[in-house]
Each structure stands twice: as C-alpha cells, then as structure tokens.
Amino acid sequence: MPIYEYQCESCGHALEALQRLSDDPLVDCPACNKPALKKQISAAGFRLKGGGWYETDFKSGNKKNLAGDSGSSASSSSSSSGSKAAD
C-alpha cells in the first residue's frame, strides 16, 4: 500500500497516511477538524535496482553511464577522423 502525504490548507498540519489505491482521499484534518486536507505530490520512496534492469540505469560513484558517455566516444571519433584526413 502506498503512503500518501497530506497538508491542511487551514492550519498547515502535515501528515502521512498508509492507504489503498482504491481508498478515498482524506479530507478532515486531525489537528483542527476542518475539511481542508489536500494530497501533496511527492517523490516515490523506492528505486528499481538489481539484476534485470538496464545497465545504464541508476549508476552512482565512478561507474559511467554508457548511454550518456559521449566524452570518450567523441574524442575517439575526432582522433580517427583526423587520421583519415591525413591519409
């Protein structure tokens, strides 16, 4: 079940609620009892890692993103094109 974040537009109280996807959004604020809760947009709390995912996904540290590693391929293509021009 996902965790949803809510904030009261009346008093500013913030809370998290564990709810099913099919549950109706919360409306009543537990702090001020007014129907002013609004669901917040937040980042997902998980990352897809492990075997079976693309090699270029979620690289960290000194690991290179092969799809975006244009620096090494650009320098090798410019040096090879320079040698062709010299021939």
Protein backbone atom coordinates (compact mmCIF):
# COMPACT_ATOMS: atom_id res chain seq x y z
CA MET A 1 0.00 0.00 0.00
CA PRO A 2 1.32 3.45 -0.85
CA ILE A 3 1.99 6.18 1.68
CA TYR A 4 0.30 9.49 0.82
CA GLU A 5 1.28 12.89 2.18
CA TYR A 6 -1.39 15.41 3.14
CA GLN A 7 -1.30 19.01 4.32
CA CYS A 8 -4.12 21.03 5.84
CA GLU A 9 -4.79 24.27 3.99
CA SER A 10 -6.36 25.76 7.13
CA CYS A 11 -3.79 25.13 9.88
CA GLY A 12 -0.77 23.81 7.90
CA HIS A 13 -0.68 20.44 9.71
CA ALA A 14 1.17 17.78 7.66
CA LEU A 15 0.66 14.03 7.90
CA GLU A 16 1.33 10.77 6.10
CA ALA A 17 -1.33 8.09 5.61
CA LEU A 18 -0.99 4.48 4.51
CA GLN A 19 -3.91 3.91 2.13
CA ARG A 20 -5.07 1.55 -0.58
CA LEU A 21 -5.22 2.89 -4.13
CA SER A 22 -8.99 2.43 -4.07
CA ASP A 23 -9.46 4.42 -0.81
CA ASP A 24 -10.96 7.89 -0.97
CA PRO A 25 -8.55 10.73 -0.16
CA LEU A 26 -8.61 12.03 3.41
CA VAL A 27 -10.48 15.29 3.90
CA ASP A 28 -10.73 16.06 7.63
CA CYS A 29 -7.64 17.41 9.40
CA PRO A 30 -6.91 15.58 12.67
CA ALA A 31 -5.39 18.75 14.19
CA CYS A 32 -8.12 21.35 13.53
CA ASN A 33 -11.02 19.05 12.43
CA LYS A 34 -11.71 21.19 9.34
CA PRO A 35 -12.28 19.59 5.90
CA ALA A 36 -9.18 21.21 4.42
CA LEU A 37 -6.70 18.35 3.80
CA LYS A 38 -5.10 18.31 0.36
CA LYS A 39 -2.96 15.49 -1.04
CA GLN A 40 0.64 16.51 -1.72
CA ILE A 41 2.77 15.44 -4.67
CA SER A 42 5.95 13.73 -3.50
CA ALA A 43 8.72 11.55 -4.88
CA ALA A 44 8.44 7.79 -4.81
CA GLY A 45 10.24 6.13 -1.93
CA PHE A 46 11.83 3.30 -3.91
CA ARG A 47 14.33 2.67 -6.70
CA LEU A 48 14.37 -0.21 -9.15
CA LYS A 49 17.76 -1.87 -8.67
CA GLY A 50 19.28 -5.29 -9.15
CA GLY A 51 19.60 -7.80 -11.94
CA GLY A 52 17.37 -7.48 -14.97
CA TRP A 53 17.42 -3.68 -15.28
CA TYR A 54 19.19 -1.73 -17.98
CA GLU A 55 22.93 -1.40 -17.50
CA THR A 56 22.74 2.39 -17.74
CA ASP A 57 20.09 2.86 -15.03
CA PHE A 58 20.93 4.16 -11.55
CA LYS A 59 24.72 4.43 -11.88
CA SER A 60 26.49 6.01 -8.94
CA GLY A 61 30.03 6.79 -7.88
CA ASN A 62 32.69 6.28 -10.53
CA LYS A 63 30.51 4.00 -12.68
CA LYS A 64 29.87 5.53 -16.10
CA ASN A 65 26.51 5.88 -17.76
CA LEU A 66 27.28 4.12 -21.04
CA ALA A 67 24.43 5.74 -22.98
CA GLY A 68 25.47 9.24 -21.89
CA ASP A 69 29.24 8.67 -22.06
CA SER A 70 29.72 10.89 -25.10
CA GLY A 71 33.03 12.31 -23.85
CA SER A 72 35.12 9.23 -24.63
CA SER A 73 33.36 8.39 -27.92
CA ALA A 74 33.58 12.00 -29.14
CA SER A 75 37.32 12.16 -28.53
CA SER A 76 37.93 8.80 -30.22
CA SER A 77 35.82 9.74 -33.26
CA SER A 78 37.59 13.09 -33.65
CA SER A 79 41.02 11.47 -33.48
CA SER A 80 40.02 8.78 -36.01
CA SER A 81 38.56 11.38 -38.38
CA GLY A 82 41.76 13.40 -38.08
CA SER A 83 43.86 10.40 -39.09
CA LYS A 84 41.61 9.75 -42.10
CA ALA A 85 42.11 13.33 -43.26
CA ALA A 86 45.88 12.92 -43.04
CA ASP A 87 45.79 9.88 -45.37
